[in-house]
Amino acid sequence: MDYFRELLNGFATLLQPEVFAYMVGGYLIGTFFGAVPGLTSMLAIALLLPLTYSLDVTSALVACASIFMAGMCSGSITATTINIPGAPASMMTAIEGYPMQQRGEGAKALGHAALASMIGGALGAVLLMVVAPMAAEAALLIRTPGKFSLIAFALIVIVISQRDSIPKGLVATTLGVMVATVGIDVMQPVPRFTFGTSTLMQGIDIMPLVIGGFAISELLVQARKGGRRTVDADTVKAERIRRRDFIPPLSEVREIGVYRYIKSAVIGYAIGVLPGAGGSMAAFVSYAEAMRSSKHPERYGKGSCEGIAAAEGANNSMCSGAFVPMLSFGIPGDPTTAIVLGVLVINGLQPGPQFLDTQLHLVAPMFAALLVSALVLVPLTLYLLGPYFVRIVSIRRDVLYSSIAVIALVGSYVATYSTFQMALALVFGVLAYVLRQHKYPIACLLLGFVLGPSLEEYCRRALSINDGNPMVFLTSPDSLFFLLLTAVFYYFMVVRKPKTPVIKGVAS
């Protein structure tokens, strides 16, 4: 009862004017960043990270949650209208949405995407509220060897989720773990890899890594592309769209069916719980399953509302699922929740099995923000601002990215008033740019950095209490379970690699 009372208090906190303003503002920012090709909700939260030093933790988490939800669903805007997914998770939406746009049904496609996002996001938020305390109780049963195997499982799943670039994912993850070793040893008060400088004694903070890896590297990528606008204004058709055009016909909603909406939401939520999976995998798996079980598979790829519903419902429910391992185990479900984990760490909070028992009053408003963003802000924003959405993509590139550059560099300095941190952000930005140019996944670098210290600590602690005997990882039941689970995932994701649907005509 205390848990549900705290959840209700979370909704009451969300209704406070200041906190509610952060939710609405975060949602609008997330919508902008999700709709503009090249920008993502992850970048928006990365830019917000320095501000969390001065923000109340509840307001910061509410803003992050609404940015996350908005960025995920707004990627469908450009995916449908100009065949350029605003977010990677909207790739499957582009397959079905753009053919509908070519038939003059773009507004209806966006309506179906918003409806599926609303249902998927709301169901995901409800599942998060129900499952999170049970996951926290299960986490209490895991002993030290099991914690090491769980984190190793998470890192391996992150790597093999890269599919065709597993070696590069492994290199990026290993690099992240190596960067995390700089500073004081996790078990002994001994400095490591500080190169004789006192500045590195405290280790490398997550803030310069996030700002450099995602904001500054993106600026360098966009600068290399050139061009005055994110998308040529001539590409955007100036059609007159009425607000009622966004409302999907009831007959088509019935044809999709309640079962399809719920099934897509559950698939997305389950995939969100897996470390490193992300919205792209959620949308892909849900879309493939919808095509397999559809009564009209021949419509897919030609403008299927069912396909849009499956993809959008899954990638929005994934948002809530990704918070489960982050809050219960301290293991981010995807790169965005890794940055949210940074928000908690900056405020002196460390997620884990007892986090919800002691700090529920801080995260309950975030749970509420996920639900309200999905149920209220998704349909309301589309109805009010839908006719103007497509104009976002024709914004001047020089204005957009110069503004982001100022926010990134000033934010990295103001957060700690350290020129060293700002310089470190620049170094990581250049490093991330080089890695991106060679197709190395930066998300793996961040997740390796976040999970590396815990991996090392639990490994060394387990070995120290068992006289250095590595067999403890095989004799401990919980550790053995996660090792076997790792083998199962490796078999199904690498040995028996799932077939990828043929994707035609999607711009990148």
Protein backbone atom coordinates (compact mmCIF):
# COMPACT_ATOMS: atom_id res chain seq x y z
CA MET A 1 0.00 0.00 0.00
CA ASP A 2 2.87 2.37 0.76
CA TYR A 3 4.16 1.83 -2.78
CA PHE A 4 0.88 2.81 -4.42
CA ARG A 5 0.50 5.73 -2.02
CA GLU A 6 3.88 7.03 -3.16
CA LEU A 7 2.80 6.60 -6.80
CA LEU A 8 -0.29 8.72 -6.13
CA ASN A 9 1.92 11.30 -4.44
CA GLY A 10 4.04 11.23 -7.58
CA PHE A 11 1.04 12.26 -9.68
CA ALA A 12 0.30 15.02 -7.15
CA THR A 13 3.92 16.24 -7.42
CA LEU A 14 3.64 16.23 -11.21
CA LEU A 15 0.68 18.60 -10.99
CA GLN A 16 2.75 21.23 -9.20
CA PRO A 17 3.15 24.15 -11.65
CA GLU A 18 6.96 24.08 -11.76
CA VAL A 19 7.25 20.31 -12.23
CA PHE A 20 4.41 20.28 -14.77
CA ALA A 21 6.15 23.03 -16.72
CA TYR A 22 9.33 20.93 -16.90
CA MET A 23 7.29 18.01 -18.25
CA VAL A 24 5.61 20.09 -20.96
CA GLY A 25 8.83 21.90 -21.83
CA GLY A 26 10.73 18.63 -21.97
CA TYR A 27 8.10 17.12 -24.23
CA LEU A 28 8.28 20.03 -26.68
CA ILE A 29 12.09 19.87 -26.71
CA GLY A 30 11.96 16.10 -27.25
CA THR A 31 9.49 16.56 -30.11
CA PHE A 32 11.81 19.02 -31.82
CA PHE A 33 14.92 16.89 -31.38
CA GLY A 34 13.11 13.72 -32.42
CA ALA A 35 11.64 15.28 -35.55
CA VAL A 36 14.82 16.88 -36.93
CA PRO A 37 16.92 14.28 -38.80
CA GLY A 38 20.31 13.97 -37.13
CA LEU A 39 19.06 15.01 -33.71
CA THR A 40 17.72 12.55 -31.12
CA SER A 41 16.14 12.60 -27.69
CA MET A 42 19.42 11.17 -26.40
CA LEU A 43 21.21 14.33 -27.59
CA ALA A 44 18.54 16.49 -25.94
CA ILE A 45 19.00 14.76 -22.58
CA ALA A 46 22.78 14.95 -23.01
CA LEU A 47 22.50 18.74 -23.38
CA LEU A 48 20.22 18.82 -20.32
CA LEU A 49 22.75 16.88 -18.22
CA PRO A 50 24.89 19.89 -17.15
CA LEU A 51 21.75 21.73 -16.02
CA THR A 52 20.90 18.95 -13.56
CA TYR A 53 23.64 20.25 -11.27
CA SER A 54 21.35 23.18 -10.45
CA LEU A 55 17.94 21.52 -11.02
CA ASP A 56 15.89 19.66 -8.46
CA VAL A 57 16.34 15.93 -9.14
CA THR A 58 12.59 15.35 -9.47
CA SER A 59 12.22 18.09 -12.07
CA ALA A 60 15.26 16.79 -13.96
CA LEU A 61 13.90 13.23 -14.06
CA VAL A 62 10.45 14.43 -15.17
CA ALA A 63 12.02 16.46 -17.99
CA CYS A 64 14.16 13.48 -19.04
CA ALA A 65 11.15 11.14 -19.09
CA SER A 66 9.05 13.48 -21.23
CA ILE A 67 11.97 14.14 -23.62
CA PHE A 68 12.50 10.39 -23.97
CA MET A 69 8.84 9.70 -24.76
CA ALA A 70 8.50 12.66 -27.13
CA GLY A 71 11.71 11.92 -29.00
CA MET A 72 10.65 8.35 -29.59
CA CYS A 73 7.23 9.12 -31.06
CA SER A 74 8.16 12.29 -32.99
CA GLY A 75 10.64 10.39 -35.15
CA SER A 76 7.62 9.23 -37.14
CA ILE A 77 6.98 12.79 -38.38
CA THR A 78 9.79 12.98 -40.94
CA ALA A 79 9.74 9.21 -41.44
CA THR A 80 6.23 9.61 -42.83
CA THR A 81 6.39 13.00 -44.54
CA ILE A 82 9.79 12.94 -46.27
CA ASN A 83 10.95 9.31 -45.84
CA ILE A 84 13.80 10.29 -43.49
CA PRO A 85 13.38 8.76 -40.00
CA GLY A 86 13.85 11.44 -37.36
CA ALA A 87 15.05 8.69 -34.99
CA PRO A 88 16.57 5.26 -35.73
CA ALA A 89 13.58 3.60 -34.06
CA SER A 90 11.30 5.08 -36.75
CA MET A 91 12.94 3.19 -39.62
CA MET A 92 10.10 0.65 -39.77
CA THR A 93 7.54 3.47 -39.65
CA ALA A 94 9.09 5.02 -42.76
CA ILE A 95 8.50 1.78 -44.68
CA GLU A 96 4.74 2.11 -44.23
CA GLY A 97 4.25 5.82 -43.55
CA TYR A 98 5.90 7.27 -46.65
CA PRO A 99 3.80 5.23 -49.14
CA MET A 100 0.73 6.57 -47.34
CA GLN A 101 2.12 10.10 -47.65
CA GLN A 102 2.54 9.56 -51.39
CA ARG A 103 -1.14 8.56 -51.57
CA GLY A 104 -2.13 11.76 -49.76
CA GLU A 105 -2.75 9.95 -46.46
CA GLY A 106 0.24 11.29 -44.54
CA ALA A 107 -1.89 12.90 -41.84
CA LYS A 108 -3.75 9.64 -41.29
CA ALA A 109 -0.44 7.77 -41.01
CA LEU A 110 0.73 10.24 -38.35
CA GLY A 111 -2.59 9.75 -36.57
CA HIS A 112 -2.10 5.98 -36.46
CA ALA A 113 1.47 6.48 -35.24
CA ALA A 114 0.29 8.82 -32.47
CA LEU A 115 -2.50 6.45 -31.40
CA ALA A 116 -0.12 3.48 -31.22
CA SER A 117 2.45 5.63 -29.39
CA MET A 118 -0.20 6.70 -26.90
CA ILE A 119 -1.35 3.13 -26.21
CA GLY A 120 2.15 1.64 -26.18
CA GLY A 121 3.59 4.41 -24.01
CA ALA A 122 0.72 4.24 -21.52
CA LEU A 123 0.81 0.44 -21.23
CA GLY A 124 4.59 0.56 -20.86
CA ALA A 125 4.31 3.11 -18.03
CA VAL A 126 1.71 0.97 -16.23
CA LEU A 127 3.89 -2.13 -16.62
CA LEU A 128 6.85 -0.17 -15.26
CA MET A 129 4.89 0.76 -12.14
CA VAL A 130 3.83 -2.86 -11.62
CA VAL A 131 7.06 -4.67 -12.54
CA ALA A 132 9.68 -2.33 -11.02
CA PRO A 133 9.08 -3.29 -7.36
CA MET A 134 9.07 -7.00 -8.23
CA ALA A 135 12.33 -6.60 -10.14
CA ALA A 136 13.82 -4.80 -7.13
CA GLU A 137 12.82 -7.68 -4.85
CA ALA A 138 14.36 -10.18 -7.27
CA ALA A 139 17.56 -8.12 -7.33
CA LEU A 140 17.95 -8.61 -3.56
CA LEU A 141 18.34 -12.36 -4.15
CA ILE A 142 21.37 -11.94 -6.41
CA ARG A 143 24.71 -12.39 -4.64
CA THR A 144 28.08 -10.95 -5.64
CA PRO A 145 29.08 -13.60 -8.24
CA GLY A 146 25.61 -13.31 -9.76
CA LYS A 147 25.92 -9.53 -9.98
CA PHE A 148 29.14 -9.91 -11.96
CA SER A 149 27.53 -12.41 -14.34
CA LEU A 150 24.46 -10.17 -14.71
CA ILE A 151 26.58 -7.18 -15.73
CA ALA A 152 28.68 -9.39 -18.03
CA PHE A 153 25.41 -10.61 -19.57
CA ALA A 154 24.32 -7.00 -20.09
CA LEU A 155 27.57 -6.01 -21.78
CA ILE A 156 27.56 -9.09 -24.04
CA VAL A 157 23.94 -8.44 -25.08
CA ILE A 158 24.88 -4.81 -25.81
CA VAL A 159 27.68 -6.00 -28.08
CA ILE A 160 25.76 -8.71 -29.95
CA SER A 161 22.81 -6.35 -30.42
CA GLN A 162 24.99 -4.56 -32.98
CA ARG A 163 24.29 -7.47 -35.39
CA ASP A 164 26.56 -6.84 -38.38
CA SER A 165 29.16 -4.86 -36.43
CA ILE A 166 29.73 -7.06 -33.38
CA PRO A 167 33.56 -6.71 -33.47
CA LYS A 168 33.27 -2.92 -33.56
CA GLY A 169 30.70 -3.02 -30.77
CA LEU A 170 33.13 -5.09 -28.71
CA VAL A 171 35.96 -2.61 -29.32
CA ALA A 172 33.76 0.39 -28.39
CA THR A 173 32.47 -1.32 -25.23
CA THR A 174 35.98 -2.32 -24.18
CA LEU A 175 37.17 1.24 -24.76
CA GLY A 176 34.38 2.52 -22.50
CA VAL A 177 35.38 0.07 -19.76
CA MET A 178 39.02 1.18 -20.10
CA VAL A 179 38.12 4.88 -19.78
CA ALA A 180 36.18 4.07 -16.60
CA THR A 181 39.33 2.65 -14.94
CA VAL A 182 40.98 6.08 -14.78
CA GLY A 183 41.15 7.40 -11.21
CA ILE A 184 41.11 5.73 -7.81
CA ASP A 185 40.95 1.92 -7.77
CA VAL A 186 37.45 0.59 -6.99
CA MET A 187 38.76 -1.72 -4.23
CA GLN A 188 41.88 0.02 -2.92
CA PRO A 189 42.83 3.71 -2.42
CA VAL A 190 45.41 3.56 -5.20
CA PRO A 191 45.42 5.90 -8.25
CA ARG A 192 45.39 4.30 -11.71
CA PHE A 193 46.20 5.77 -15.13
CA THR A 194 46.36 9.32 -13.80
CA PHE A 195 49.71 10.02 -15.54
CA GLY A 196 50.92 11.86 -12.45
CA THR A 197 48.21 14.54 -12.60
CA SER A 198 45.95 15.25 -9.63
CA THR A 199 43.16 16.31 -12.01
CA LEU A 200 42.50 12.70 -13.00
CA MET A 201 42.57 11.38 -9.41
CA GLN A 202 38.77 11.61 -9.14
CA GLY A 203 38.31 9.77 -12.41
CA ILE A 204 36.48 10.83 -15.55
CA ASP A 205 32.97 12.14 -15.01
CA ILE A 206 30.08 10.95 -17.15
CA MET A 207 29.17 14.51 -18.16
CA PRO A 208 32.12 15.27 -20.52
CA LEU A 209 31.77 11.80 -22.04
CA VAL A 210 28.07 12.34 -22.78
CA ILE A 211 28.48 15.93 -24.02
CA GLY A 212 31.49 15.05 -26.16
CA GLY A 213 30.32 11.65 -27.37
CA PHE A 214 26.85 12.70 -28.42
CA ALA A 215 26.67 16.48 -28.79
CA ILE A 216 30.10 17.59 -30.03
CA SER A 217 30.61 14.53 -32.24
CA GLU A 218 27.22 15.18 -33.84
CA LEU A 219 28.26 18.77 -34.54
CA LEU A 220 31.39 17.53 -36.31
CA VAL A 221 29.39 15.00 -38.33
CA GLN A 222 26.89 17.64 -39.42
CA ALA A 223 29.65 20.14 -40.22
CA ARG A 224 31.20 17.59 -42.55
CA LYS A 225 27.89 17.10 -44.35
CA GLY A 226 27.48 20.79 -45.12
CA GLY A 227 24.30 22.32 -46.52
CA ARG A 228 22.25 25.23 -45.26
CA ARG A 229 19.19 23.31 -44.07
CA THR A 230 18.59 19.95 -42.38
CA VAL A 231 16.26 19.08 -45.27
CA ASP A 232 15.80 21.00 -48.51
CA ALA A 233 12.70 23.13 -48.19
CA ASP A 234 11.62 22.03 -51.67
CA THR A 235 11.38 18.47 -50.37
CA VAL A 236 8.67 19.49 -47.91
CA LYS A 237 5.36 19.67 -49.67
CA ALA A 238 3.22 22.59 -48.62
CA GLU A 239 -0.03 20.66 -48.33
CA ARG A 240 -2.86 22.14 -46.33
CA ILE A 241 -3.59 19.70 -43.54
CA ARG A 242 -6.67 19.95 -41.38
CA ARG A 243 -6.49 18.86 -37.76
CA ARG A 244 -9.30 16.36 -38.18
CA ASP A 245 -7.20 14.57 -40.84
CA PHE A 246 -4.98 13.28 -38.02
CA ILE A 247 -7.84 11.30 -36.44
CA PRO A 248 -7.60 7.68 -37.69
CA PRO A 249 -10.84 6.14 -38.98
CA LEU A 250 -12.50 3.90 -36.39
CA SER A 251 -12.86 1.12 -38.95
CA GLU A 252 -9.09 0.93 -39.43
CA VAL A 253 -8.47 1.01 -35.67
CA ARG A 254 -10.86 -1.92 -35.28
CA GLU A 255 -9.13 -3.77 -38.09
CA ILE A 256 -5.79 -3.39 -36.33
CA GLY A 257 -7.44 -4.64 -33.15
CA VAL A 258 -6.90 -4.19 -29.44
CA TYR A 259 -4.83 -7.39 -29.34
CA ARG A 260 -2.32 -5.97 -31.84
CA TYR A 261 -1.84 -2.79 -29.82
CA ILE A 262 -1.35 -4.70 -26.56
CA LYS A 263 0.91 -7.29 -28.17
CA SER A 264 3.17 -4.63 -29.67
CA ALA A 265 3.37 -2.80 -26.34
CA VAL A 266 4.33 -5.98 -24.47
CA ILE A 267 6.98 -6.86 -27.08
CA GLY A 268 8.47 -3.38 -26.87
CA TYR A 269 8.45 -3.38 -23.08
CA ALA A 270 10.11 -6.80 -22.88
CA ILE A 271 12.83 -5.76 -25.31
CA GLY A 272 13.32 -2.50 -23.40
CA VAL A 273 14.20 -4.52 -20.29
CA LEU A 274 17.11 -6.11 -22.18
CA PRO A 275 20.28 -4.03 -21.71
CA GLY A 276 21.31 -2.14 -24.83
CA ALA A 277 18.44 -3.34 -27.02
CA GLY A 278 16.79 0.05 -27.63
CA GLY A 279 13.85 1.29 -29.67
CA SER A 280 15.20 0.16 -33.04
CA MET A 281 15.21 -3.50 -32.02
CA ALA A 282 11.80 -3.15 -30.36
CA ALA A 283 10.26 -1.68 -33.52
CA PHE A 284 11.98 -4.24 -35.74
CA VAL A 285 10.86 -7.29 -33.72
CA SER A 286 7.29 -6.02 -33.29
CA TYR A 287 7.03 -5.12 -36.99
CA ALA A 288 8.36 -8.53 -38.05
CA GLU A 289 5.93 -10.30 -35.71
CA ALA A 290 3.02 -8.19 -36.96
CA MET A 291 3.88 -9.06 -40.57
CA ARG A 292 4.15 -12.77 -39.69
CA SER A 293 0.78 -12.92 -37.94
CA SER A 294 -1.12 -10.46 -40.15
CA LYS A 295 -4.20 -11.44 -42.14
CA HIS A 296 -2.96 -9.13 -44.91
CA PRO A 297 0.85 -9.43 -45.08
CA GLU A 298 0.75 -8.34 -48.72
CA ARG A 299 -0.07 -4.79 -47.58
CA TYR A 300 3.22 -4.43 -45.73
CA GLY A 301 5.73 -2.19 -47.45
CA LYS A 302 2.94 -0.49 -49.38
CA GLY A 303 1.43 1.63 -46.61
CA SER A 304 0.03 -0.62 -43.88
CA CYS A 305 -1.54 1.09 -40.88
CA GLU A 306 -1.06 -2.16 -38.99
CA GLY A 307 2.69 -2.02 -39.56
CA ILE A 308 2.84 1.58 -38.29
CA ALA A 309 0.88 0.61 -35.18
CA ALA A 310 3.16 -2.35 -34.46
CA ALA A 311 6.38 -0.37 -34.79
CA GLU A 312 5.28 2.77 -32.95
CA GLY A 313 3.52 0.91 -30.12
CA ALA A 314 6.66 -1.13 -29.46
CA ASN A 315 9.26 1.64 -29.54
CA ASN A 316 7.25 3.83 -27.15
CA SER A 317 6.58 1.07 -24.62
CA MET A 318 10.31 0.34 -24.76
CA CYS A 319 10.91 3.69 -23.04
CA SER A 320 9.38 2.44 -19.79
CA GLY A 321 10.90 -1.03 -20.06
CA ALA A 322 14.41 0.45 -20.28
CA PHE A 323 13.99 1.98 -16.81
CA VAL A 324 13.46 -1.41 -15.10
CA PRO A 325 17.08 -2.69 -15.17
CA MET A 326 18.38 0.84 -14.61
CA LEU A 327 16.41 1.39 -11.39
CA SER A 328 16.62 -2.19 -10.04
CA PHE A 329 20.18 -3.18 -10.98
CA GLY A 330 21.89 0.06 -12.04
CA ILE A 331 22.14 -1.37 -15.57
CA PRO A 332 20.77 0.98 -18.28
CA GLY A 333 18.31 -0.57 -20.69
CA ASP A 334 19.49 1.69 -23.52
CA PRO A 335 21.83 4.67 -24.10
CA THR A 336 19.18 7.21 -23.11
CA THR A 337 18.60 5.61 -19.70
CA ALA A 338 22.39 5.50 -19.31
CA ILE A 339 22.32 9.32 -19.44
CA VAL A 340 19.36 9.37 -17.02
CA LEU A 341 21.49 7.20 -14.74
CA GLY A 342 24.07 9.98 -14.97
CA VAL A 343 21.43 12.44 -13.73
CA LEU A 344 20.92 10.26 -10.65
CA VAL A 345 24.64 9.82 -10.04
CA ILE A 346 25.26 13.56 -10.33
CA ASN A 347 22.70 14.04 -7.56
CA GLY A 348 24.38 11.48 -5.33
CA LEU A 349 21.90 8.65 -5.98
CA GLN A 350 22.89 5.12 -6.96
CA PRO A 351 20.13 2.86 -8.35
CA GLY A 352 20.01 -0.69 -7.04
CA PRO A 353 17.78 -3.27 -5.32
CA GLN A 354 16.81 -0.93 -2.46
CA PHE A 355 16.52 2.23 -4.53
CA LEU A 356 12.73 2.13 -4.88
CA ASP A 357 12.34 1.50 -1.13
CA THR A 358 14.35 4.56 -0.17
CA GLN A 359 13.98 6.98 -3.10
CA LEU A 360 10.58 6.20 -4.59
CA HIS A 361 9.36 9.72 -3.81
CA LEU A 362 11.97 11.03 -6.28
CA VAL A 363 11.19 8.71 -9.21
CA ALA A 364 7.40 8.36 -8.78
CA PRO A 365 6.83 11.72 -10.57
CA MET A 366 8.97 10.36 -13.43
CA PHE A 367 6.68 7.31 -13.66
CA ALA A 368 3.71 9.67 -13.72
CA ALA A 369 5.36 11.83 -16.40
CA LEU A 370 5.80 8.80 -18.67
CA LEU A 371 2.10 7.96 -18.35
CA VAL A 372 0.82 11.52 -18.75
CA SER A 373 3.15 12.21 -21.68
CA ALA A 374 1.82 9.15 -23.48
CA LEU A 375 -1.88 9.55 -22.66
CA VAL A 376 -2.22 13.33 -22.91
CA LEU A 377 0.73 15.04 -24.57
CA VAL A 378 1.18 12.67 -27.54
CA PRO A 379 -2.36 13.09 -29.00
CA LEU A 380 -2.73 16.71 -27.83
CA THR A 381 0.56 17.83 -29.40
CA LEU A 382 -0.26 16.14 -32.71
CA TYR A 383 -3.72 17.70 -32.81
CA LEU A 384 -2.54 21.22 -31.94
CA LEU A 385 0.83 21.35 -33.68
CA GLY A 386 0.52 18.61 -36.30
CA PRO A 387 -0.02 20.92 -39.29
CA TYR A 388 3.27 22.68 -38.47
CA PHE A 389 5.40 19.63 -37.67
CA VAL A 390 6.83 19.16 -41.14
CA ARG A 391 8.19 22.71 -41.19
CA ILE A 392 10.61 21.82 -38.38
CA VAL A 393 12.86 19.98 -40.79
CA SER A 394 13.52 23.03 -42.98
CA ILE A 395 15.24 24.98 -40.18
CA ARG A 396 18.60 26.53 -41.07
CA ARG A 397 21.42 24.13 -40.24
CA ASP A 398 23.93 26.85 -39.27
CA VAL A 399 21.54 28.38 -36.73
CA LEU A 400 20.54 25.02 -35.29
CA TYR A 401 23.97 23.49 -34.80
CA SER A 402 25.76 26.66 -33.72
CA SER A 403 23.15 26.96 -30.94
CA ILE A 404 23.76 23.35 -29.94
CA ALA A 405 27.52 23.99 -29.91
CA VAL A 406 27.13 26.93 -27.53
CA ILE A 407 24.84 24.95 -25.21
CA ALA A 408 27.18 21.96 -25.19
CA LEU A 409 30.40 23.85 -24.46
CA VAL A 410 28.95 26.35 -22.00
CA GLY A 411 27.04 23.56 -20.26
CA SER A 412 30.13 21.40 -19.89
CA TYR A 413 31.90 24.34 -18.22
CA VAL A 414 29.07 25.68 -16.05
CA ALA A 415 28.31 22.21 -14.66
CA THR A 416 31.62 22.10 -12.71
CA TYR A 417 33.27 25.45 -13.54
CA SER A 418 36.24 23.45 -14.78
CA THR A 419 38.05 24.22 -17.99
CA PHE A 420 39.52 20.73 -17.78
CA GLN A 421 36.05 19.18 -18.00
CA MET A 422 35.26 21.36 -21.01
CA ALA A 423 38.53 20.34 -22.67
CA LEU A 424 37.78 16.71 -21.86
CA ALA A 425 34.40 17.06 -23.56
CA LEU A 426 36.17 18.32 -26.68
CA VAL A 427 38.61 15.41 -26.58
CA PHE A 428 35.80 12.88 -26.28
CA GLY A 429 33.93 14.69 -29.04
CA VAL A 430 36.83 14.29 -31.47
CA LEU A 431 37.35 10.67 -30.38
CA ALA A 432 33.66 9.87 -30.85
CA TYR A 433 33.67 11.58 -34.25
CA VAL A 434 36.59 9.41 -35.42
CA LEU A 435 34.84 6.29 -34.11
CA ARG A 436 31.58 7.23 -35.85
CA GLN A 437 33.38 7.82 -39.11
CA HIS A 438 34.61 4.22 -38.91
CA LYS A 439 31.14 2.92 -37.91
CA TYR A 440 31.93 2.18 -34.26
CA PRO A 441 28.77 2.46 -32.07
CA ILE A 442 29.16 5.29 -29.55
CA ALA A 443 26.29 3.90 -27.45
CA CYS A 444 28.49 0.88 -26.65
CA LEU A 445 31.24 3.24 -25.49
CA LEU A 446 28.86 4.97 -23.06
CA LEU A 447 27.34 1.75 -21.72
CA GLY A 448 30.78 0.21 -21.25
CA PHE A 449 31.84 3.32 -19.31
CA VAL A 450 28.75 3.15 -17.08
CA LEU A 451 28.89 -0.59 -16.35
CA GLY A 452 32.68 -1.05 -16.30
CA PRO A 453 33.32 -0.06 -12.65
CA SER A 454 30.58 -2.37 -11.35
CA LEU A 455 31.84 -5.23 -13.53
CA GLU A 456 35.35 -4.87 -12.10
CA GLU A 457 34.18 -4.41 -8.51
CA TYR A 458 31.91 -7.46 -8.39
CA CYS A 459 34.46 -9.63 -10.19
CA ARG A 460 37.26 -8.75 -7.77
CA ARG A 461 34.99 -8.93 -4.73
CA ALA A 462 33.69 -12.38 -5.70
CA LEU A 463 37.22 -13.65 -6.24
CA SER A 464 38.51 -12.15 -2.99
CA ILE A 465 35.86 -13.82 -0.82
CA ASN A 466 36.48 -17.15 -2.55
CA ASP A 467 40.29 -17.20 -2.32
CA GLY A 468 40.69 -16.27 -5.98
CA ASN A 469 38.81 -19.35 -7.22
CA PRO A 470 37.05 -18.47 -10.52
CA MET A 471 34.85 -21.58 -10.23
CA VAL A 472 32.62 -19.55 -7.93
CA PHE A 473 30.98 -18.09 -11.04
CA LEU A 474 29.93 -21.60 -12.10
CA THR A 475 29.00 -22.99 -8.68
CA SER A 476 26.84 -20.04 -7.62
CA PRO A 477 23.28 -20.73 -8.89
CA ASP A 478 22.41 -17.12 -9.74
CA SER A 479 25.72 -16.60 -11.54
CA LEU A 480 25.29 -19.85 -13.49
CA PHE A 481 21.78 -18.77 -14.49
CA PHE A 482 23.02 -15.54 -16.07
CA LEU A 483 25.91 -17.29 -17.79
CA LEU A 484 23.49 -19.79 -19.32
CA LEU A 485 21.18 -16.92 -20.27
CA THR A 486 24.13 -15.27 -22.02
CA ALA A 487 24.73 -18.45 -24.00
CA VAL A 488 21.04 -18.61 -24.99
CA PHE A 489 21.05 -15.02 -26.21
CA TYR A 490 24.28 -15.56 -28.12
CA TYR A 491 22.82 -18.59 -29.84
CA PHE A 492 19.61 -16.92 -30.95
CA MET A 493 21.12 -13.51 -31.82
CA VAL A 494 24.39 -14.60 -33.43
CA VAL A 495 24.35 -18.30 -34.32
CA ARG A 496 20.71 -18.29 -35.46
CA LYS A 497 20.62 -14.67 -36.56
CA PRO A 498 17.04 -13.48 -37.24
CA LYS A 499 16.25 -12.59 -40.81
CA THR A 500 15.94 -8.89 -41.52
CA PRO A 501 12.96 -7.70 -43.58
CA VAL A 502 13.92 -6.10 -46.88
CA ILE A 503 13.80 -2.31 -46.43
CA LYS A 504 13.34 -0.35 -49.60
CA GLY A 505 13.37 3.34 -50.25
CA VAL A 506 14.22 4.61 -46.77
CA ALA A 507 16.59 7.55 -46.73
CA SER A 508 19.34 7.70 -44.13
